[in-house]
Each structure stands twice: as C-alpha cells, then as structure tokens.
PDB file of N, CA and C in Angstrom:
ATOM      1  N   MET A   1       0.850  -1.185   0.000  1.00  0.00           N
ATOM      2  CA  MET A   1       0.000   0.000   0.000  1.00  0.00           C
ATOM      3  C   MET A   1       0.893   1.244   0.000  1.00  0.00           C
ATOM      4  N   THR A   2       0.489   2.240  -0.747  1.00  0.00           N
ATOM      5  CA  THR A   2       1.238   3.496  -0.794  1.00  0.00           C
ATOM      6  C   THR A   2       0.660   4.480   0.214  1.00  0.00           C
ATOM      7  N   ALA A   3       1.406   5.529   0.472  1.00  0.00           N
ATOM      8  CA  ALA A   3       0.917   6.569   1.387  1.00  0.00           C
ATOM      9  C   ALA A   3      -0.367   7.195   0.849  1.00  0.00           C
ATOM     10  N   THR A   4      -0.454   7.348  -0.455  1.00  0.00           N
ATOM     11  CA  THR A   4      -1.642   7.951  -1.066  1.00  0.00           C
ATOM     12  C   THR A   4      -2.877   7.084  -0.863  1.00  0.00           C
ATOM     13  N   THR A   5      -2.750   5.788  -1.103  1.00  0.00           N
ATOM     14  CA  THR A   5      -3.903   4.908  -0.917  1.00  0.00           C
ATOM     15  C   THR A   5      -4.243   4.753   0.561  1.00  0.00           C
ATOM     16  N   ALA A   6      -3.227   4.741   1.427  1.00  0.00           N
ATOM     17  CA  ALA A   6      -3.480   4.661   2.872  1.00  0.00           C
ATOM     18  C   ALA A   6      -4.199   5.916   3.352  1.00  0.00           C
ATOM     19  N   TRP A   7      -3.778   7.085   2.844  1.00  0.00           N
ATOM     20  CA  TRP A   7      -4.435   8.333   3.233  1.00  0.00           C
ATOM     21  C   TRP A   7      -5.886   8.348   2.746  1.00  0.00           C
ATOM     22  N   SER A   8      -6.112   7.848   1.544  1.00  0.00           N
ATOM     23  CA  SER A   8      -7.462   7.789   0.998  1.00  0.00           C
ATOM     24  C   SER A   8      -8.356   6.891   1.858  1.00  0.00           C
ATOM     25  N   ALA A   9      -7.845   5.740   2.269  1.00  0.00           N
ATOM     26  CA  ALA A   9      -8.612   4.825   3.122  1.00  0.00           C
ATOM     27  C   ALA A   9      -8.904   5.467   4.479  1.00  0.00           C
ATOM     28  N   LEU A  10      -7.915   6.163   5.034  1.00  0.00           N
ATOM     29  CA  LEU A  10      -8.121   6.847   6.315  1.00  0.00           C
ATOM     30  C   LEU A  10      -9.144   7.968   6.159  1.00  0.00           C
ATOM     31  N   SER A  11      -9.042   8.731   5.116  1.00  0.00           N
ATOM     32  CA  SER A  11     -10.003   9.819   4.864  1.00  0.00           C
ATOM     33  C   SER A  11     -11.422   9.290   4.733  1.00  0.00           C
ATOM     34  N   ASP A  12     -11.585   8.176   4.015  1.00  0.00           N
ATOM     35  CA  ASP A  12     -12.904   7.558   3.870  1.00  0.00           C
ATOM     36  C   ASP A  12     -13.452   7.127   5.224  1.00  0.00           C
ATOM     37  N   ALA A  13     -12.602   6.517   6.045  1.00  0.00           N
ATOM     38  CA  ALA A  13     -13.027   6.064   7.370  1.00  0.00           C
ATOM     39  C   ALA A  13     -13.402   7.254   8.263  1.00  0.00           C
ATOM     40  N   LEU A  14     -12.647   8.335   8.141  1.00  0.00           N
ATOM     41  CA  LEU A  14     -12.927   9.526   8.959  1.00  0.00           C
ATOM     42  C   LEU A  14     -14.215  10.224   8.533  1.00  0.00           C
ATOM     43  N   ALA A  15     -14.673   9.979   7.321  1.00  0.00           N
ATOM     44  CA  ALA A  15     -15.914  10.587   6.842  1.00  0.00           C
ATOM     45  C   ALA A  15     -17.135  10.015   7.559  1.00  0.00           C
ATOM     46  N   THR A  16     -16.983   8.807   8.119  1.00  0.00           N
ATOM     47  CA  THR A  16     -18.113   8.170   8.780  1.00  0.00           C
ATOM     48  C   THR A  16     -17.899   7.913  10.266  1.00  0.00           C
ATOM     49  N   SER A  17     -16.685   8.137  10.748  1.00  0.00           N
ATOM     50  CA  SER A  17     -16.369   7.879  12.158  1.00  0.00           C
ATOM     51  C   SER A  17     -15.515   8.997  12.724  1.00  0.00           C
ATOM     52  N   THR A  18     -15.707   9.285  13.985  1.00  0.00           N
ATOM     53  CA  THR A  18     -14.879  10.273  14.668  1.00  0.00           C
ATOM     54  C   THR A  18     -13.995   9.554  15.688  1.00  0.00           C
ATOM     55  N   PRO A  19     -12.687   9.620  15.492  1.00  0.00           N
ATOM     56  CA  PRO A  19     -11.793   8.936  16.425  1.00  0.00           C
ATOM     57  C   PRO A  19     -11.685   9.695  17.753  1.00  0.00           C
ATOM     58  N   PRO A  20     -11.350   8.991  18.828  1.00  0.00           N
ATOM     59  CA  PRO A  20     -11.228   9.646  20.122  1.00  0.00           C
ATOM     60  C   PRO A  20     -10.083  10.665  20.185  1.00  0.00           C
ATOM     61  N   CYS A  21      -9.173  10.630  19.229  1.00  0.00           N
ATOM     62  CA  CYS A  21      -8.044  11.559  19.232  1.00  0.00           C
ATOM     63  C   CYS A  21      -8.368  12.887  18.546  1.00  0.00           C
ATOM     64  N   ALA A  22      -9.537  12.991  17.937  1.00  0.00           N
ATOM     65  CA  ALA A  22      -9.893  14.197  17.183  1.00  0.00           C
ATOM     66  C   ALA A  22      -9.696  15.448  18.030  1.00  0.00           C
ATOM     67  N   GLY A  23      -8.844  16.340  17.555  1.00  0.00           N
ATOM     68  CA  GLY A  23      -8.581  17.603  18.234  1.00  0.00           C
ATOM     69  C   GLY A  23      -7.633  17.502  19.415  1.00  0.00           C
ATOM     70  N   ASP A  24      -7.085  16.323  19.673  1.00  0.00           N
ATOM     71  CA  ASP A  24      -6.181  16.120  20.812  1.00  0.00           C
ATOM     72  C   ASP A  24      -4.736  16.251  20.346  1.00  0.00           C
ATOM     73  N   GLY A  25      -4.111  17.361  20.652  1.00  0.00           N
ATOM     74  CA  GLY A  25      -2.754  17.642  20.206  1.00  0.00           C
ATOM     75  C   GLY A  25      -1.695  16.717  20.759  1.00  0.00           C
ATOM     76  N   ARG A  26      -2.024  15.946  21.778  1.00  0.00           N
ATOM     77  CA  ARG A  26      -1.030  15.024  22.341  1.00  0.00           C
ATOM     78  C   ARG A  26      -0.615  13.949  21.341  1.00  0.00           C
ATOM     79  N   PHE A  27      -1.464  13.674  20.360  1.00  0.00           N
ATOM     80  CA  PHE A  27      -1.153  12.617  19.404  1.00  0.00           C
ATOM     81  C   PHE A  27      -0.074  13.025  18.412  1.00  0.00           C
ATOM     82  N   THR A  28       0.194  14.301  18.299  1.00  0.00           N
ATOM     83  CA  THR A  28       1.264  14.761  17.421  1.00  0.00           C
ATOM     84  C   THR A  28       2.280  15.622  18.154  1.00  0.00           C
ATOM     85  N   ALA A  29       2.192  15.686  19.478  1.00  0.00           N
ATOM     86  CA  ALA A  29       3.156  16.453  20.271  1.00  0.00           C
ATOM     87  C   ALA A  29       4.533  15.808  20.159  1.00  0.00           C
ATOM     88  N   ASP A  30       5.553  16.593  20.352  1.00  0.00           N
ATOM     89  CA  ASP A  30       6.925  16.116  20.215  1.00  0.00           C
ATOM     90  C   ASP A  30       7.436  15.534  21.535  1.00  0.00           C
ATOM     91  N   THR A  31       6.626  14.718  22.180  1.00  0.00           N
ATOM     92  CA  THR A  31       6.998  14.084  23.442  1.00  0.00           C
ATOM     93  C   THR A  31       6.264  12.757  23.561  1.00  0.00           C
ATOM     94  N   ASN A  32       6.757  11.878  24.396  1.00  0.00           N
ATOM     95  CA  ASN A  32       6.056  10.615  24.606  1.00  0.00           C
ATOM     96  C   ASN A  32       5.545  10.513  26.035  1.00  0.00           C
ATOM     97  N   GLU A  33       5.385  11.620  26.704  1.00  0.00           N
ATOM     98  CA  GLU A  33       4.991  11.619  28.105  1.00  0.00           C
ATOM     99  C   GLU A  33       3.598  11.042  28.334  1.00  0.00           C
ATOM    100  N   HIS A  34       2.752  11.008  27.330  1.00  0.00           N
ATOM    101  CA  HIS A  34       1.386  10.505  27.482  1.00  0.00           C
ATOM    102  C   HIS A  34       1.210   9.107  26.895  1.00  0.00           C
ATOM    103  N   ASP A  35       2.275   8.387  26.724  1.00  0.00           N
ATOM    104  CA  ASP A  35       2.254   7.073  26.091  1.00  0.00           C
ATOM    105  C   ASP A  35       1.090   6.168  26.496  1.00  0.00           C
ATOM    106  N   PRO A  36       0.941   5.790  27.758  1.00  0.00           N
ATOM    107  CA  PRO A  36      -0.113   4.834  28.136  1.00  0.00           C
ATOM    108  C   PRO A  36      -1.528   5.348  27.848  1.00  0.00           C
ATOM    109  N   ALA A  37      -1.779   6.592  28.105  1.00  0.00           N
ATOM    110  CA  ALA A  37      -3.111   7.152  27.877  1.00  0.00           C
ATOM    111  C   ALA A  37      -3.454   7.161  26.389  1.00  0.00           C
ATOM    112  N   LEU A  38      -2.494   7.476  25.552  1.00  0.00           N
ATOM    113  CA  LEU A  38      -2.749   7.526  24.114  1.00  0.00           C
ATOM    114  C   LEU A  38      -2.992   6.132  23.551  1.00  0.00           C
ATOM    115  N   ARG A  39      -2.205   5.184  23.990  1.00  0.00           N
ATOM    116  CA  ARG A  39      -2.402   3.802  23.533  1.00  0.00           C
ATOM    117  C   ARG A  39      -3.797   3.308  23.904  1.00  0.00           C
ATOM    118  N   GLN A  40      -4.251   3.677  25.085  1.00  0.00           N
ATOM    119  CA  GLN A  40      -5.571   3.263  25.549  1.00  0.00           C
ATOM    120  C   GLN A  40      -6.681   3.859  24.667  1.00  0.00           C
ATOM    121  N   LEU A  41      -6.533   5.132  24.306  1.00  0.00           N
ATOM    122  CA  LEU A  41      -7.519   5.754  23.418  1.00  0.00           C
ATOM    123  C   LEU A  41      -7.545   5.081  22.044  1.00  0.00           C
ATOM    124  N   CYS A  42      -6.380   4.721  21.548  1.00  0.00           N
ATOM    125  CA  CYS A  42      -6.303   4.081  20.230  1.00  0.00           C
ATOM    126  C   CYS A  42      -6.928   2.685  20.237  1.00  0.00           C
ATOM    127  N   ALA A  43      -6.879   2.019  21.358  1.00  0.00           N
ATOM    128  CA  ALA A  43      -7.331   0.623  21.423  1.00  0.00           C
ATOM    129  C   ALA A  43      -8.769   0.435  20.930  1.00  0.00           C
ATOM    130  N   GLY A  44      -9.650   1.368  21.242  1.00  0.00           N
ATOM    131  CA  GLY A  44     -11.042   1.228  20.816  1.00  0.00           C
ATOM    132  C   GLY A  44     -11.435   2.105  19.648  1.00  0.00           C
ATOM    133  N   CYS A  45     -10.476   2.627  18.944  1.00  0.00           N
ATOM    134  CA  CYS A  45     -10.749   3.575  17.865  1.00  0.00           C
ATOM    135  C   CYS A  45     -11.347   2.895  16.634  1.00  0.00           C
ATOM    136  N   PRO A  46     -12.392   3.498  16.051  1.00  0.00           N
ATOM    137  CA  PRO A  46     -13.022   2.907  14.870  1.00  0.00           C
ATOM    138  C   PRO A  46     -12.191   3.024  13.587  1.00  0.00           C
ATOM    139  N   VAL A  47     -11.170   3.868  13.571  1.00  0.00           N
ATOM    140  CA  VAL A  47     -10.333   4.016  12.370  1.00  0.00           C
ATOM    141  C   VAL A  47      -8.893   3.575  12.642  1.00  0.00           C
ATOM    142  N   ARG A  48      -8.707   2.814  13.689  1.00  0.00           N
ATOM    143  CA  ARG A  48      -7.361   2.421  14.117  1.00  0.00           C
ATOM    144  C   ARG A  48      -6.563   1.746  13.009  1.00  0.00           C
ATOM    145  N   GLN A  49      -7.152   0.787  12.328  1.00  0.00           N
ATOM    146  CA  GLN A  49      -6.432   0.048  11.291  1.00  0.00           C
ATOM    147  C   GLN A  49      -5.991   0.966  10.152  1.00  0.00           C
ATOM    148  N   GLN A  50      -6.875   1.832   9.689  1.00  0.00           N
ATOM    149  CA  GLN A  50      -6.532   2.748   8.598  1.00  0.00           C
ATOM    150  C   GLN A  50      -5.464   3.748   9.045  1.00  0.00           C
ATOM    151  N   CYS A  51      -5.576   4.214  10.273  1.00  0.00           N
ATOM    152  CA  CYS A  51      -4.604   5.160  10.821  1.00  0.00           C
ATOM    153  C   CYS A  51      -3.220   4.512  10.926  1.00  0.00           C
ATOM    154  N   ARG A  52      -3.196   3.304  11.433  1.00  0.00           N
ATOM    155  CA  ARG A  52      -1.925   2.577  11.574  1.00  0.00           C
ATOM    156  C   ARG A  52      -1.283   2.355  10.206  1.00  0.00           C
ATOM    157  N   GLU A  53      -2.081   1.976   9.232  1.00  0.00           N
ATOM    158  CA  GLU A  53      -1.550   1.743   7.892  1.00  0.00           C
ATOM    159  C   GLU A  53      -0.980   3.030   7.309  1.00  0.00           C
ATOM    160  N   TYR A  54      -1.675   4.139   7.515  1.00  0.00           N
ATOM    161  CA  TYR A  54      -1.148   5.418   7.031  1.00  0.00           C
ATOM    162  C   TYR A  54       0.171   5.753   7.728  1.00  0.00           C
ATOM    163  N   GLY A  55       0.226   5.531   9.030  1.00  0.00           N
ATOM    164  CA  GLY A  55       1.462   5.798   9.769  1.00  0.00           C
ATOM    165  C   GLY A  55       2.646   5.000   9.259  1.00  0.00           C
ATOM    166  N   LYS A  56       2.397   3.799   8.806  1.00  0.00           N
ATOM    167  CA  LYS A  56       3.476   2.963   8.279  1.00  0.00           C
ATOM    168  C   LYS A  56       3.938   3.419   6.905  1.00  0.00           C
ATOM    169  N   THR A  57       3.067   4.064   6.136  1.00  0.00           N
ATOM    170  CA  THR A  57       3.404   4.404   4.756  1.00  0.00           C
ATOM    171  C   THR A  57       3.666   5.888   4.520  1.00  0.00           C
ATOM    172  N   ALA A  58       3.349   6.735   5.484  1.00  0.00           N
ATOM    173  CA  ALA A  58       3.500   8.187   5.312  1.00  0.00           C
ATOM    174  C   ALA A  58       4.964   8.570   5.104  1.00  0.00           C
ATOM    175  N   PRO A  59       5.208   9.676   4.434  1.00  0.00           N
ATOM    176  CA  PRO A  59       6.587  10.134   4.216  1.00  0.00           C
ATOM    177  C   PRO A  59       7.355  10.245   5.523  1.00  0.00           C
ATOM    178  N   ARG A  60       8.599   9.889   5.511  1.00  0.00           N
ATOM    179  CA  ARG A  60       9.425   9.829   6.714  1.00  0.00           C
ATOM    180  C   ARG A  60       9.716  11.184   7.354  1.00  0.00           C
ATOM    181  N   GLY A  61       9.475  12.273   6.683  1.00  0.00           N
ATOM    182  CA  GLY A  61       9.743  13.585   7.256  1.00  0.00           C
ATOM    183  C   GLY A  61       8.649  14.076   8.191  1.00  0.00           C
ATOM    184  N   ARG A  62       7.614  13.268   8.382  1.00  0.00           N
ATOM    185  CA  ARG A  62       6.493  13.692   9.233  1.00  0.00           C
ATOM    186  C   ARG A  62       6.926  13.775  10.681  1.00  0.00           C
ATOM    187  N   ALA A  63       6.193  14.562  11.427  1.00  0.00           N
ATOM    188  CA  ALA A  63       6.494  14.748  12.842  1.00  0.00           C
ATOM    189  C   ALA A  63       6.187  13.485  13.636  1.00  0.00           C
ATOM    190  N   TRP A  64       6.709  13.470  14.843  1.00  0.00           N
ATOM    191  CA  TRP A  64       6.434  12.401  15.792  1.00  0.00           C
ATOM    192  C   TRP A  64       4.936  12.296  15.979  1.00  0.00           C
ATOM    193  N   GLY A  65       4.460  11.108  16.245  1.00  0.00           N
ATOM    194  CA  GLY A  65       3.045  10.975  16.524  1.00  0.00           C
ATOM    195  C   GLY A  65       2.605   9.557  16.747  1.00  0.00           C
ATOM    196  N   TYR A  66       1.349   9.421  17.062  1.00  0.00           N
ATOM    197  CA  TYR A  66       0.700   8.123  17.225  1.00  0.00           C
ATOM    198  C   TYR A  66      -0.144   7.867  15.998  1.00  0.00           C
ATOM    199  N   TYR A  67      -0.022   6.688  15.468  1.00  0.00           N
ATOM    200  CA  TYR A  67      -0.814   6.283  14.312  1.00  0.00           C
ATOM    201  C   TYR A  67      -1.377   4.907  14.609  1.00  0.00           C
ATOM    202  N   GLY A  68      -2.640   4.836  14.964  1.00  0.00           N
ATOM    203  CA  GLY A  68      -3.265   3.558  15.251  1.00  0.00           C
ATOM    204  C   GLY A  68      -2.658   2.833  16.431  1.00  0.00           C
ATOM    205  N   GLY A  69      -2.201   3.578  17.422  1.00  0.00           N
ATOM    206  CA  GLY A  69      -1.625   2.979  18.617  1.00  0.00           C
ATOM    207  C   GLY A  69      -0.138   2.702  18.536  1.00  0.00           C
ATOM    208  N   VAL A  70       0.474   3.042  17.422  1.00  0.00           N
ATOM    209  CA  VAL A  70       1.902   2.815  17.235  1.00  0.00           C
ATOM    210  C   VAL A  70       2.616   4.164  17.231  1.00  0.00           C
ATOM    211  N   VAL A  71       3.673   4.260  18.010  1.00  0.00           N
ATOM    212  CA  VAL A  71       4.447   5.494  18.076  1.00  0.00           C
ATOM    213  C   VAL A  71       5.337   5.581  16.852  1.00  0.00           C
ATOM    214  N   ARG A  72       5.340   6.733  16.257  1.00  0.00           N
ATOM    215  CA  ARG A  72       6.232   6.966  15.123  1.00  0.00           C
ATOM    216  C   ARG A  72       7.149   8.106  15.491  1.00  0.00           C
ATOM    217  N   ARG A  73       8.405   7.787  15.584  1.00  0.00           N
ATOM    218  CA  ARG A  73       9.414   8.803  15.891  1.00  0.00           C
ATOM    219  C   ARG A  73      10.246   9.040  14.643  1.00  0.00           C
ATOM    220  N   VAL A  74      10.760  10.230  14.514  1.00  0.00           N
ATOM    221  CA  VAL A  74      11.630  10.525  13.382  1.00  0.00           C
ATOM    222  C   VAL A  74      13.031  10.774  13.903  1.00  0.00           C
ATOM    223  N   THR A  75      13.997  10.569  13.054  1.00  0.00           N
ATOM    224  CA  THR A  75      15.377  10.808  13.444  1.00  0.00           C
ATOM    225  C   THR A  75      15.602  12.306  13.592  1.00  0.00           C
ATOM    226  N   PRO A  76      16.598  12.706  14.366  1.00  0.00           N
ATOM    227  CA  PRO A  76      16.893  14.139  14.487  1.00  0.00           C
ATOM    228  C   PRO A  76      17.154  14.804  13.136  1.00  0.00           C
ATOM    229  N   GLN A  77      17.780  14.070  12.203  1.00  0.00           N
ATOM    230  CA  GLN A  77      18.052  14.628  10.880  1.00  0.00           C
ATOM    231  C   GLN A  77      16.753  14.904  10.134  1.00  0.00           C
ATOM    232  N   ALA A  78      15.812  13.974  10.211  1.00  0.00           N
ATOM    233  CA  ALA A  78      14.531  14.170   9.535  1.00  0.00           C
ATOM    234  C   ALA A  78      13.774  15.335  10.155  1.00  0.00           C
ATOM    235  N   ARG A  79      13.853  15.466  11.464  1.00  0.00           N
ATOM    236  CA  ARG A  79      13.186  16.569  12.141  1.00  0.00           C
ATOM    237  C   ARG A  79      13.781  17.904  11.691  1.00  0.00           C
ATOM    238  N   THR A  80      15.098  17.968  11.571  1.00  0.00           N
ATOM    239  CA  THR A  80      15.760  19.192  11.116  1.00  0.00           C
ATOM    240  C   THR A  80      15.341  19.520   9.689  1.00  0.00           C
ATOM    241  N   ARG A  81      15.304  18.507   8.814  1.00  0.00           N
ATOM    242  CA  ARG A  81      14.882  18.735   7.423  1.00  0.00           C
ATOM    243  C   ARG A  81      13.443  19.232   7.368  1.00  0.00           C
ATOM    244  N   ALA A  82      12.584  18.666   8.201  1.00  0.00           N
ATOM    245  CA  ALA A  82      11.174  19.088   8.216  1.00  0.00           C
ATOM    246  C   ALA A  82      11.048  20.536   8.658  1.00  0.00           C
ATOM    247  N   ARG A  83      11.800  20.927   9.678  1.00  0.00           N
ATOM    248  CA  ARG A  83      11.753  22.317  10.146  1.00  0.00           C
ATOM    249  C   ARG A  83      12.277  23.263   9.070  1.00  0.00           C
ATOM    250  N   GLU A  84      13.377  22.875   8.421  1.00  0.00           N
ATOM    251  CA  GLU A  84      13.936  23.709   7.362  1.00  0.00           C
ATOM    252  C   GLU A  84      12.959  23.850   6.204  1.00  0.00           C
ATOM    253  N   ALA A  85      12.283  22.784   5.851  1.00  0.00           N
ATOM    254  CA  ALA A  85      11.308  22.840   4.758  1.00  0.00           C
ATOM    255  C   ALA A  85      10.126  23.737   5.121  1.00  0.00           C
ATOM    256  N   ALA A  86       9.756  23.752   6.387  1.00  0.00           N
ATOM    257  CA  ALA A  86       8.616  24.571   6.830  1.00  0.00           C
ATOM    258  C   ALA A  86       8.943  26.054   6.805  1.00  0.00           C
ATOM    259  N   THR A  87      10.212  26.403   6.889  1.00  0.00           N
ATOM    260  CA  THR A  87      10.589  27.817   6.935  1.00  0.00           C
ATOM    261  C   THR A  87      10.927  28.378   5.568  1.00  0.00           C
ATOM    262  N   THR A  88      10.955  27.534   4.552  1.00  0.00           N
ATOM    263  CA  THR A  88      11.299  28.037   3.209  1.00  0.00           C
ATOM    264  C   THR A  88      10.085  28.204   2.355  1.00  0.00           C
TER     265      THR A  88
END
C-alpha cells in the first residue's frame, strides 16, 4: 500500500467515524509523556487500522506521533529537514 492509498482509506473512514483523538494535540506532540493514555484511546478507535496503515506508509519527514496505537518517531536529521522545509 502506498501513502496515497493509505491516506485515501483513512479519509474515507474519517468521513463516517470520529476517532477519540480528534482535536487532541497530544497525538502529534513532540513528546512521549502521554504514552499509556494515548495507547488506551487508540485501542477502541473505529479508524485504528486505517490510521496505523497510514502511519506505516507516510513520508518519513512527518512529525512524531501516534498512528493507530503505534508510536512513530523521526530521526533528528529528519526533524531538522522538516523544520527547514517549513521555513522556506
């Protein structure tokens, strides 16, 4: 599966379901201090599978975050490249 098809599947799922993480900035915060609480929210999520698949296929320059209960961290180099790209 490609990132594009994974995003499309996630978007379709989000059109009919609202995940418990909606609007919760902790899922993309640059820290893992909320690990257990976030995993618990993901456990019963109606779009968990689509979210996890997107997290596995999304471009590597993306920020840290939770995708379907799985933590995705980026290397310091990728984080620096992402910040530089955002400022240009």
